[in-house]
């Protein structure tokens, strides 16, 4: 039997790391003045780009780290399933935590991820 718990733990860690990167990038984008600023759209775009990159990075990390050619077919099947579920967990956790951060930080740049103020 193959232990798949580390795959899920690393998936959660990937979500946290990429969320931290998204927060750093969002805070690095300067506020734009005027009637039609483009900075909220840039922050939202980077949030979604990092969601996709983080999920793909998690999937590739899992494949290159846990998937061994010498494993039997049952172990390979379990690992492929766990790696796919882990990538889904990474994406879902990234979105949920991003939404919670966006809703919690009302007057910051992170708020632009989901709540665009006009």
C-alpha atoms as a PDB file:
ATOM      1  CA  UNK A   1       0.000   0.000   0.000  1.00  0.00           C
ATOM      2  CA  UNK A   2       1.245   3.435  -0.947  1.00  0.00           C
ATOM      3  CA  UNK A   3       0.872   6.395   1.408  1.00  0.00           C
ATOM      4  CA  UNK A   4      -0.757   9.321  -0.386  1.00  0.00           C
ATOM      5  CA  UNK A   5      -0.969  11.673   2.591  1.00  0.00           C
ATOM      6  CA  UNK A   6       2.285  13.525   1.708  1.00  0.00           C
ATOM      7  CA  UNK A   7       0.837  14.327  -1.722  1.00  0.00           C
ATOM      8  CA  UNK A   8      -2.131  16.085  -0.105  1.00  0.00           C
ATOM      9  CA  UNK A   9       0.027  17.924   2.443  1.00  0.00           C
ATOM     10  CA  UNK A  10       2.353  19.205  -0.277  1.00  0.00           C
ATOM     11  CA  UNK A  11      -0.679  20.274  -2.318  1.00  0.00           C
ATOM     12  CA  UNK A  12      -1.867  22.439   0.579  1.00  0.00           C
ATOM     13  CA  UNK A  13       1.652  23.866   0.939  1.00  0.00           C
ATOM     14  CA  UNK A  14       1.744  24.729  -2.772  1.00  0.00           C
ATOM     15  CA  UNK A  15      -1.565  26.577  -2.408  1.00  0.00           C
ATOM     16  CA  UNK A  16      -0.183  28.577   0.520  1.00  0.00           C
ATOM     17  CA  UNK A  17       3.080  29.420  -1.228  1.00  0.00           C
ATOM     18  CA  UNK A  18       1.396  30.562  -4.432  1.00  0.00           C
ATOM     19  CA  UNK A  19      -1.154  32.566  -2.451  1.00  0.00           C
ATOM     20  CA  UNK A  20       1.741  34.303  -0.690  1.00  0.00           C
ATOM     21  CA  UNK A  21       3.338  35.043  -4.078  1.00  0.00           C
ATOM     22  CA  UNK A  22       0.006  36.430  -5.336  1.00  0.00           C
ATOM     23  CA  UNK A  23      -0.249  38.688  -2.272  1.00  0.00           C
ATOM     24  CA  UNK A  24       3.296  39.975  -2.789  1.00  0.00           C
ATOM     25  CA  UNK A  25       2.633  40.705  -6.468  1.00  0.00           C
ATOM     26  CA  UNK A  26      -0.692  42.394  -5.650  1.00  0.00           C
ATOM     27  CA  UNK A  27       0.975  44.643  -3.123  1.00  0.00           C
ATOM     28  CA  UNK A  28       3.763  45.465  -5.586  1.00  0.00           C
ATOM     29  CA  UNK A  29       1.312  46.786  -8.207  1.00  0.00           C
ATOM     30  CA  UNK A  30       0.892  50.516  -7.622  1.00  0.00           C
ATOM     31  CA  UNK A  31      -2.474  52.222  -7.284  1.00  0.00           C
ATOM     32  CA  UNK A  32      -3.463  54.156 -10.397  1.00  0.00           C
ATOM     33  CA  UNK A  33      -5.460  57.325 -10.169  1.00  0.00           C
ATOM     34  CA  UNK A  34      -8.068  58.644 -12.536  1.00  0.00           C
ATOM     35  CA  UNK A  35     -11.562  57.687 -13.517  1.00  0.00           C
ATOM     36  CA  UNK A  36     -10.689  54.280 -14.998  1.00  0.00           C
ATOM     37  CA  UNK A  37      -7.694  52.749 -13.199  1.00  0.00           C
ATOM     38  CA  UNK A  38      -6.300  49.484 -14.562  1.00  0.00           C
ATOM     39  CA  UNK A  39      -4.531  48.280 -11.413  1.00  0.00           C
ATOM     40  CA  UNK A  40      -7.468  46.228  -9.990  1.00  0.00           C
ATOM     41  CA  UNK A  41      -7.627  44.266 -13.241  1.00  0.00           C
ATOM     42  CA  UNK A  42      -3.883  43.602 -13.116  1.00  0.00           C
ATOM     43  CA  UNK A  43      -4.135  42.259  -9.557  1.00  0.00           C
ATOM     44  CA  UNK A  44      -7.063  40.023 -10.480  1.00  0.00           C
ATOM     45  CA  UNK A  45      -5.232  38.781 -13.598  1.00  0.00           C
ATOM     46  CA  UNK A  46      -2.120  37.857 -11.599  1.00  0.00           C
ATOM     47  CA  UNK A  47      -4.244  36.084  -9.004  1.00  0.00           C
ATOM     48  CA  UNK A  48      -5.760  33.804 -11.673  1.00  0.00           C
ATOM     49  CA  UNK A  49      -2.474  33.313 -13.533  1.00  0.00           C
ATOM     50  CA  UNK A  50      -0.836  32.147 -10.311  1.00  0.00           C
ATOM     51  CA  UNK A  51      -3.804  29.848  -9.611  1.00  0.00           C
ATOM     52  CA  UNK A  52      -3.138  28.067 -12.901  1.00  0.00           C
ATOM     53  CA  UNK A  53       0.657  28.075 -12.558  1.00  0.00           C
ATOM     54  CA  UNK A  54       0.440  26.803  -8.964  1.00  0.00           C
ATOM     55  CA  UNK A  55      -1.857  23.942  -9.933  1.00  0.00           C
ATOM     56  CA  UNK A  56       0.344  22.914 -12.860  1.00  0.00           C
ATOM     57  CA  UNK A  57       3.494  23.198 -10.715  1.00  0.00           C
ATOM     58  CA  UNK A  58       1.873  21.043  -8.041  1.00  0.00           C
ATOM     59  CA  UNK A  59       0.879  18.440 -10.618  1.00  0.00           C
ATOM     60  CA  UNK A  60       4.357  18.323 -12.157  1.00  0.00           C
ATOM     61  CA  UNK A  61       6.037  18.217  -8.745  1.00  0.00           C
ATOM     62  CA  UNK A  62       3.862  15.286  -7.752  1.00  0.00           C
ATOM     63  CA  UNK A  63       4.566  13.414 -10.970  1.00  0.00           C
ATOM     64  CA  UNK A  64       8.325  13.910 -10.774  1.00  0.00           C
ATOM     65  CA  UNK A  65       8.566  13.290  -7.034  1.00  0.00           C
ATOM     66  CA  UNK A  66       6.192  10.411  -6.272  1.00  0.00           C
ATOM     67  CA  UNK A  67       5.674   8.549  -9.525  1.00  0.00           C
ATOM     68  CA  UNK A  68       8.358   5.853  -9.860  1.00  0.00           C
ATOM     69  CA  UNK A  69       8.556   3.591 -12.932  1.00  0.00           C
ATOM     70  CA  UNK A  70       9.521   0.614 -10.775  1.00  0.00           C
ATOM     71  CA  UNK A  71       6.268   0.721  -8.766  1.00  0.00           C
ATOM     72  CA  UNK A  72       3.675  -1.921  -9.527  1.00  0.00           C
ATOM     73  CA  UNK A  73       0.560  -0.991 -11.491  1.00  0.00           C
ATOM     74  CA  UNK A  74      -1.640  -0.735  -8.379  1.00  0.00           C
ATOM     75  CA  UNK A  75       0.774   1.708  -6.722  1.00  0.00           C
ATOM     76  CA  UNK A  76       1.025   3.729  -9.931  1.00  0.00           C
ATOM     77  CA  UNK A  77      -2.757   3.908 -10.161  1.00  0.00           C
ATOM     78  CA  UNK A  78      -3.042   5.059  -6.550  1.00  0.00           C
ATOM     79  CA  UNK A  79      -0.344   7.685  -6.999  1.00  0.00           C
ATOM     80  CA  UNK A  80      -1.778   9.081 -10.229  1.00  0.00           C
ATOM     81  CA  UNK A  81      -5.182   9.374  -8.552  1.00  0.00           C
ATOM     82  CA  UNK A  82      -3.660  11.037  -5.476  1.00  0.00           C
ATOM     83  CA  UNK A  83      -1.622  13.459  -7.587  1.00  0.00           C
ATOM     84  CA  UNK A  84      -4.720  14.472  -9.562  1.00  0.00           C
ATOM     85  CA  UNK A  85      -6.774  14.921  -6.403  1.00  0.00           C
ATOM     86  CA  UNK A  86      -3.874  16.854  -4.860  1.00  0.00           C
ATOM     87  CA  UNK A  87      -3.809  19.247  -7.824  1.00  0.00           C
ATOM     88  CA  UNK A  88      -7.548  19.781  -7.392  1.00  0.00           C
ATOM     89  CA  UNK A  89      -7.050  20.408  -3.676  1.00  0.00           C
ATOM     90  CA  UNK A  90      -4.294  22.910  -4.462  1.00  0.00           C
ATOM     91  CA  UNK A  91      -6.527  24.854  -6.867  1.00  0.00           C
ATOM     92  CA  UNK A  92      -9.608  24.773  -4.624  1.00  0.00           C
ATOM     93  CA  UNK A  93      -7.685  25.748  -1.494  1.00  0.00           C
ATOM     94  CA  UNK A  94      -5.964  28.581  -3.374  1.00  0.00           C
ATOM     95  CA  UNK A  95      -9.335  29.965  -4.526  1.00  0.00           C
ATOM     96  CA  UNK A  96     -11.063  29.564  -1.141  1.00  0.00           C
ATOM     97  CA  UNK A  97      -8.205  31.111   0.846  1.00  0.00           C
ATOM     98  CA  UNK A  98      -7.902  33.889  -1.747  1.00  0.00           C
ATOM     99  CA  UNK A  99     -11.605  34.645  -1.412  1.00  0.00           C
ATOM    100  CA  UNK A 100     -11.353  34.682   2.394  1.00  0.00           C
ATOM    101  CA  UNK A 101      -8.342  37.015   2.271  1.00  0.00           C
ATOM    102  CA  UNK A 102     -10.073  39.243  -0.262  1.00  0.00           C
ATOM    103  CA  UNK A 103     -13.193  39.466   1.891  1.00  0.00           C
ATOM    104  CA  UNK A 104     -11.220  39.979   5.115  1.00  0.00           C
ATOM    105  CA  UNK A 105      -8.895  42.720   3.885  1.00  0.00           C
ATOM    106  CA  UNK A 106     -11.452  45.322   2.843  1.00  0.00           C
ATOM    107  CA  UNK A 107      -9.192  48.344   2.285  1.00  0.00           C
ATOM    108  CA  UNK A 108      -6.170  46.745   0.685  1.00  0.00           C
ATOM    109  CA  UNK A 109      -4.896  45.752  -2.704  1.00  0.00           C
ATOM    110  CA  UNK A 110      -5.768  42.096  -2.089  1.00  0.00           C
ATOM    111  CA  UNK A 111      -9.435  43.094  -2.023  1.00  0.00           C
ATOM    112  CA  UNK A 112      -9.277  43.475  -5.822  1.00  0.00           C
ATOM    113  CA  UNK A 113      -8.975  39.713  -6.340  1.00  0.00           C
ATOM    114  CA  UNK A 114     -12.738  39.219  -5.971  1.00  0.00           C
ATOM    115  CA  UNK A 115     -14.280  42.537  -4.888  1.00  0.00           C
ATOM    116  CA  UNK A 116     -13.754  45.382  -7.320  1.00  0.00           C
ATOM    117  CA  UNK A 117     -14.686  48.739  -5.844  1.00  0.00           C
ATOM    118  CA  UNK A 118     -15.964  51.432  -8.170  1.00  0.00           C
END
